[in-house]
Amino acid sequence: MKLLNTIRVEKPWGKCELPEPFSSDGQGKIGEIWFDPPAELSDLLVKFIFTSEQLSIQVHPDDTRAVRLEGSRAGKEECWLVLDAQPGAKLGIGFSKQSNATDVRTGAENGTIESLMDWFEVRSGDYFYIPAGTVHAIGAGIALVEIQQNSDITYRLYDYGRPRELHLDKGMAVATFGPHDPKLRQRDVFATSRQLCDGPHFKLWCVSTTSSLSERAEKRCLIIAIKGDLQVSGQVVGQGCCALVEAGDIVLLSDGGIFLRAESLGAQSIDG
């Protein structure tokens, strides 16, 4: 077992006061806490995201388009699990009805793209898988954990007047223009253990227990501690931490605890 190093990232839309168990430390507006991907699972990236303002409306390419447009080996598919949300907080995912590149580009240019998107009011325990090509945005007042392909390719379509570059040509080249598939979202996932994602790039489970749990890891994975006391082979994994777990490691979780387990399906993981 190895705890992953954290990287705290300031963002203009971040928060000065972070929710427990994270410390604010007077470091300005923290928008993201990343976990440095280990060489053994270099194709996965885990981060916590905290918002006080709307994030940009954006889209990511799939692997094929990432190679063609950027010369990169990987695009970016991701998933979100909401940890906390202020009343009325929303995520924008896909479009409310079938659209097209012309209308979406016009909306990005004149600011009406928000009205084309489908906005989901969220609460703790809401889960969404975001396939590459899905136009999406995180609203204000949300704390969530994101598991993604380890890629930083982002095409911003609309940024609420912030002085940052937009990428409309590439964004239109990779975007899909329909509604989000309802099969890719779940509610109240903390209530019982369940699988959240079954590929194509990674698998993800939420493990939740009302009594203590002991299990042996079947294969190398990442574990993200959400609630309760978690130990891996005798080492503590604190809430809000992420650990690389090897096959055979023993995972112990206290009563009422919750953790996430992510396994790579990619070719970039290094066999042990």
Protein backbone atom coordinates (compact mmCIF):
# COMPACT_ATOMS: atom_id res chain seq x y z
CA MET A 1 0.00 0.00 0.00
CA LYS A 2 1.20 3.48 -0.84
CA LEU A 3 -0.48 6.78 -0.01
CA LEU A 4 -0.49 9.12 -3.01
CA ASN A 5 0.94 12.61 -2.74
CA THR A 6 -1.55 15.47 -2.97
CA ILE A 7 -1.38 18.58 -5.14
CA ARG A 8 -3.53 21.54 -4.08
CA VAL A 9 -4.52 23.77 -6.98
CA GLU A 10 -5.83 27.32 -6.64
CA LYS A 11 -8.66 28.28 -8.99
CA PRO A 12 -10.63 31.54 -9.37
CA TRP A 13 -13.80 29.52 -8.82
CA GLY A 14 -12.43 27.57 -5.83
CA LYS A 15 -13.24 27.88 -2.12
CA CYS A 16 -11.38 29.56 0.73
CA GLU A 17 -13.07 27.28 3.27
CA LEU A 18 -13.02 23.60 2.36
CA PRO A 19 -15.41 21.02 3.79
CA GLU A 20 -14.16 18.41 6.25
CA PRO A 21 -11.86 16.51 6.23
CA PHE A 22 -9.84 18.95 4.11
CA SER A 23 -7.93 21.85 5.67
CA SER A 24 -8.00 25.31 4.14
CA ASP A 25 -4.66 26.52 5.56
CA GLY A 26 -5.19 30.07 4.29
CA GLN A 27 -3.89 29.11 0.85
CA GLY A 28 -6.38 31.12 -1.17
CA LYS A 29 -9.22 29.66 -3.20
CA ILE A 30 -8.56 25.95 -3.55
CA GLY A 31 -10.47 24.49 -6.48
CA GLU A 32 -8.87 21.07 -6.80
CA ILE A 33 -6.91 18.56 -4.78
CA TRP A 34 -5.14 16.09 -7.07
CA PHE A 35 -3.48 12.81 -6.23
CA ASP A 36 -0.21 12.28 -8.05
CA PRO A 37 -0.81 9.19 -10.26
CA PRO A 38 1.52 6.31 -9.35
CA ALA A 39 3.65 4.75 -12.08
CA GLU A 40 1.84 1.46 -11.49
CA LEU A 41 -1.52 3.03 -12.47
CA SER A 42 -0.42 6.02 -14.47
CA ASP A 43 -3.53 6.13 -16.65
CA LEU A 44 -5.88 7.07 -13.77
CA LEU A 45 -6.22 10.44 -12.07
CA VAL A 46 -8.28 11.15 -8.95
CA LYS A 47 -9.14 14.65 -7.79
CA PHE A 48 -11.52 16.43 -5.44
CA ILE A 49 -13.20 19.56 -6.85
CA PHE A 50 -14.68 22.44 -4.80
CA THR A 51 -16.65 25.25 -6.47
CA SER A 52 -17.86 28.67 -5.37
CA GLU A 53 -18.60 29.79 -8.94
CA GLN A 54 -19.65 28.23 -12.23
CA LEU A 55 -16.87 26.38 -14.04
CA SER A 56 -16.43 26.72 -17.78
CA ILE A 57 -18.62 24.79 -20.19
CA GLN A 58 -16.21 22.37 -21.84
CA VAL A 59 -15.67 19.09 -23.65
CA HIS A 60 -12.90 16.47 -23.90
CA PRO A 61 -11.86 14.29 -26.86
CA ASP A 62 -11.83 10.51 -26.95
CA ASP A 63 -8.59 8.60 -27.50
CA THR A 64 -8.84 8.62 -31.30
CA ARG A 65 -9.45 12.35 -31.55
CA ALA A 66 -6.81 13.10 -28.91
CA VAL A 67 -4.23 11.40 -31.10
CA ARG A 68 -5.42 13.19 -34.23
CA LEU A 69 -5.80 16.68 -32.76
CA GLU A 70 -3.10 16.75 -30.07
CA GLY A 71 -0.73 13.85 -30.70
CA SER A 72 -1.68 12.56 -27.25
CA ARG A 73 -2.04 8.90 -26.34
CA ALA A 74 -5.24 9.42 -24.34
CA GLY A 75 -8.43 11.41 -24.39
CA LYS A 76 -10.50 12.00 -21.30
CA GLU A 77 -13.49 10.16 -19.96
CA GLU A 78 -14.42 10.88 -16.37
CA CYS A 79 -17.02 10.39 -13.71
CA TRP A 80 -18.29 12.53 -10.86
CA LEU A 81 -19.59 11.59 -7.43
CA VAL A 82 -21.15 14.45 -5.50
CA LEU A 83 -20.02 14.67 -1.87
CA ASP A 84 -21.81 17.87 -0.91
CA ALA A 85 -24.03 20.41 -2.65
CA GLN A 86 -25.68 23.62 -1.63
CA PRO A 87 -29.45 23.81 -2.25
CA GLY A 88 -30.12 24.34 -5.93
CA ALA A 89 -26.57 23.47 -7.05
CA LYS A 90 -26.45 21.96 -10.54
CA LEU A 91 -24.30 20.03 -12.98
CA GLY A 92 -24.67 20.64 -16.70
CA ILE A 93 -24.31 17.42 -18.71
CA GLY A 94 -25.25 17.06 -22.36
CA PHE A 95 -28.14 18.86 -24.02
CA SER A 96 -31.82 18.97 -23.12
CA LYS A 97 -32.67 17.86 -26.66
CA GLN A 98 -30.79 16.86 -29.79
CA SER A 99 -28.77 19.80 -31.11
CA ASN A 100 -26.06 20.36 -33.72
CA ALA A 101 -22.64 21.97 -34.12
CA THR A 102 -24.03 25.16 -35.66
CA ASP A 103 -26.46 25.92 -32.85
CA VAL A 104 -24.01 24.94 -30.10
CA ARG A 105 -21.22 27.04 -31.56
CA THR A 106 -23.57 30.02 -31.89
CA GLY A 107 -24.63 29.48 -28.27
CA ALA A 108 -21.00 29.38 -27.15
CA GLU A 109 -20.29 32.63 -28.97
CA ASN A 110 -23.31 34.58 -27.68
CA GLY A 111 -23.64 33.00 -24.22
CA THR A 112 -26.89 31.10 -24.80
CA ILE A 113 -25.23 27.68 -24.66
CA GLU A 114 -26.36 27.38 -21.03
CA SER A 115 -29.98 27.31 -22.16
CA LEU A 116 -29.25 24.45 -24.57
CA MET A 117 -27.74 22.21 -21.90
CA ASP A 118 -29.42 19.82 -19.51
CA TRP A 119 -28.89 20.93 -15.89
CA PHE A 120 -29.28 18.43 -13.05
CA GLU A 121 -29.94 19.66 -9.52
CA VAL A 122 -27.71 17.49 -7.35
CA ARG A 123 -27.24 16.27 -3.79
CA SER A 124 -24.74 14.13 -1.93
CA GLY A 125 -24.54 10.63 -3.41
CA ASP A 126 -25.38 11.57 -7.00
CA TYR A 127 -23.14 9.89 -9.59
CA PHE A 128 -22.59 10.72 -13.28
CA TYR A 129 -20.36 9.11 -15.91
CA ILE A 130 -19.20 11.62 -18.54
CA PRO A 131 -18.18 9.99 -21.83
CA ALA A 132 -15.67 11.81 -24.00
CA GLY A 133 -17.46 14.24 -26.29
CA THR A 134 -20.10 15.14 -23.69
CA VAL A 135 -20.41 18.91 -23.22
CA HIS A 136 -20.47 19.53 -19.48
CA ALA A 137 -20.00 22.02 -16.64
CA ILE A 138 -19.88 22.01 -12.85
CA GLY A 139 -22.00 24.66 -11.15
CA ALA A 140 -21.32 26.66 -8.00
CA GLY A 141 -21.66 25.27 -4.48
CA ILE A 142 -20.53 21.69 -5.15
CA ALA A 143 -17.88 19.38 -3.72
CA LEU A 144 -17.26 16.20 -5.71
CA VAL A 145 -14.70 13.52 -6.40
CA GLU A 146 -13.66 12.95 -10.01
CA ILE A 147 -12.06 9.80 -11.39
CA GLN A 148 -10.76 10.17 -14.93
CA GLN A 149 -8.36 9.09 -17.59
CA ASN A 150 -5.05 10.80 -16.85
CA SER A 151 -5.29 13.45 -19.55
CA ASP A 152 -5.38 17.25 -19.38
CA ILE A 153 -6.94 17.90 -22.80
CA THR A 154 -9.83 20.32 -22.28
CA TYR A 155 -11.63 22.38 -24.91
CA ARG A 156 -13.42 25.34 -23.32
CA LEU A 157 -16.56 26.45 -25.12
CA TYR A 158 -17.84 29.16 -22.77
CA ASP A 159 -16.17 30.68 -19.70
CA TYR A 160 -18.57 33.25 -18.25
CA GLY A 161 -16.43 36.21 -19.31
CA ARG A 162 -13.17 34.98 -17.79
CA PRO A 163 -10.16 36.04 -19.89
CA ARG A 164 -9.13 32.54 -20.94
CA GLU A 165 -8.76 31.01 -24.38
CA LEU A 166 -11.73 29.21 -25.93
CA HIS A 167 -11.36 26.24 -28.27
CA LEU A 168 -14.46 26.29 -30.44
CA ASP A 169 -13.03 24.63 -33.55
CA LYS A 170 -11.63 21.65 -31.70
CA GLY A 171 -14.58 21.55 -29.34
CA MET A 172 -17.06 21.24 -32.18
CA ALA A 173 -14.87 18.56 -33.78
CA VAL A 174 -15.11 16.29 -30.73
CA ALA A 175 -18.50 17.13 -29.19
CA THR A 176 -21.64 15.05 -29.27
CA PHE A 177 -24.89 16.99 -29.34
CA GLY A 178 -27.51 14.83 -27.68
CA PRO A 179 -28.85 14.30 -24.16
CA HIS A 180 -26.89 12.44 -21.50
CA ASP A 181 -27.75 8.73 -21.29
CA PRO A 182 -29.83 8.12 -18.11
CA LYS A 183 -28.10 4.75 -17.67
CA LEU A 184 -24.89 6.65 -16.90
CA ARG A 185 -26.17 8.27 -13.71
CA GLN A 186 -27.28 7.02 -10.30
CA ARG A 187 -28.65 8.52 -7.09
CA ASP A 188 -28.02 7.77 -3.40
CA VAL A 189 -24.99 5.61 -4.14
CA PHE A 190 -23.71 5.84 -0.55
CA ALA A 191 -26.71 3.87 0.73
CA THR A 192 -25.44 0.43 -0.38
CA SER A 193 -22.33 -1.00 -2.02
CA ARG A 194 -22.54 -1.07 -5.80
CA GLN A 195 -20.57 -0.90 -9.01
CA LEU A 196 -20.71 2.56 -10.55
CA CYS A 197 -18.66 2.12 -13.72
CA ASP A 198 -17.74 -0.92 -15.83
CA GLY A 199 -15.42 0.52 -18.48
CA PRO A 200 -14.38 1.25 -21.08
CA HIS A 201 -11.27 2.74 -19.41
CA PHE A 202 -11.73 1.91 -15.74
CA LYS A 203 -14.03 0.20 -13.29
CA LEU A 204 -15.35 1.92 -10.17
CA TRP A 205 -17.16 0.68 -7.09
CA CYS A 206 -18.60 2.46 -4.08
CA VAL A 207 -18.17 0.28 -0.98
CA SER A 208 -20.50 1.19 1.87
CA THR A 209 -21.09 -0.83 5.01
CA THR A 210 -23.30 -0.67 8.09
CA SER A 211 -20.96 -3.10 9.89
CA SER A 212 -17.20 -3.51 9.82
CA LEU A 213 -15.76 -4.95 6.61
CA SER A 214 -12.61 -6.93 5.83
CA GLU A 215 -11.68 -7.88 2.28
CA ARG A 216 -8.60 -8.92 0.34
CA ALA A 217 -7.85 -6.85 -2.77
CA GLU A 218 -8.11 -9.07 -5.84
CA LYS A 219 -6.00 -6.83 -8.07
CA ARG A 220 -4.08 -3.58 -8.03
CA CYS A 221 -6.38 -0.58 -7.61
CA LEU A 222 -6.79 2.89 -6.17
CA ILE A 223 -8.85 3.36 -3.01
CA ILE A 224 -10.33 6.73 -2.03
CA ALA A 225 -11.43 7.05 1.60
CA ILE A 226 -14.74 8.92 1.89
CA LYS A 227 -16.04 8.19 5.40
CA GLY A 228 -15.05 6.20 8.47
CA ASP A 229 -11.81 4.51 9.52
CA LEU A 230 -10.01 2.73 6.69
CA GLN A 231 -6.84 0.65 6.90
CA VAL A 232 -4.93 -1.20 4.21
CA SER A 233 -2.54 -3.91 5.42
CA GLY A 234 -2.34 -2.17 8.79
CA GLN A 235 -1.73 1.36 7.46
CA VAL A 236 -4.31 4.09 7.97
CA VAL A 237 -5.85 5.76 4.92
CA GLY A 238 -7.39 8.98 6.24
CA GLN A 239 -10.63 10.44 4.97
CA GLY A 240 -10.04 12.40 1.79
CA CYS A 241 -6.87 10.41 0.99
CA CYS A 242 -6.12 8.09 -1.92
CA ALA A 243 -3.92 4.98 -1.82
CA LEU A 244 -2.43 2.55 -4.29
CA VAL A 245 -3.45 -0.93 -3.16
CA GLU A 246 -1.76 -4.12 -4.38
CA ALA A 247 -3.39 -7.50 -4.98
CA GLY A 248 -3.48 -9.39 -1.68
CA ASP A 249 -3.58 -6.31 0.54
CA ILE A 250 -6.16 -6.54 3.34
CA VAL A 251 -8.69 -3.68 3.44
CA LEU A 252 -10.46 -2.96 6.75
CA LEU A 253 -13.38 -0.51 6.97
CA SER A 254 -15.17 0.57 10.15
CA ASP A 255 -18.92 0.55 10.78
CA GLY A 256 -20.69 3.06 8.54
CA GLY A 257 -17.60 3.60 6.42
CA ILE A 258 -17.44 4.38 2.70
CA PHE A 259 -14.63 4.13 0.17
CA LEU A 260 -14.28 4.09 -3.61
CA ARG A 261 -12.26 1.46 -5.49
CA ALA A 262 -11.00 2.19 -9.01
CA GLU A 263 -9.37 -0.39 -11.29
CA SER A 264 -7.68 0.44 -14.57
CA LEU A 265 -8.63 -1.26 -17.82
CA GLY A 266 -5.90 0.57 -19.73
CA ALA A 267 -2.61 -0.58 -21.15
CA GLN A 268 -0.63 1.97 -19.13
CA SER A 269 -0.74 0.17 -15.80
CA ILE A 270 2.51 -1.57 -14.89
CA ASP A 271 2.15 -5.17 -13.82
CA GLY A 272 3.59 -5.98 -10.42
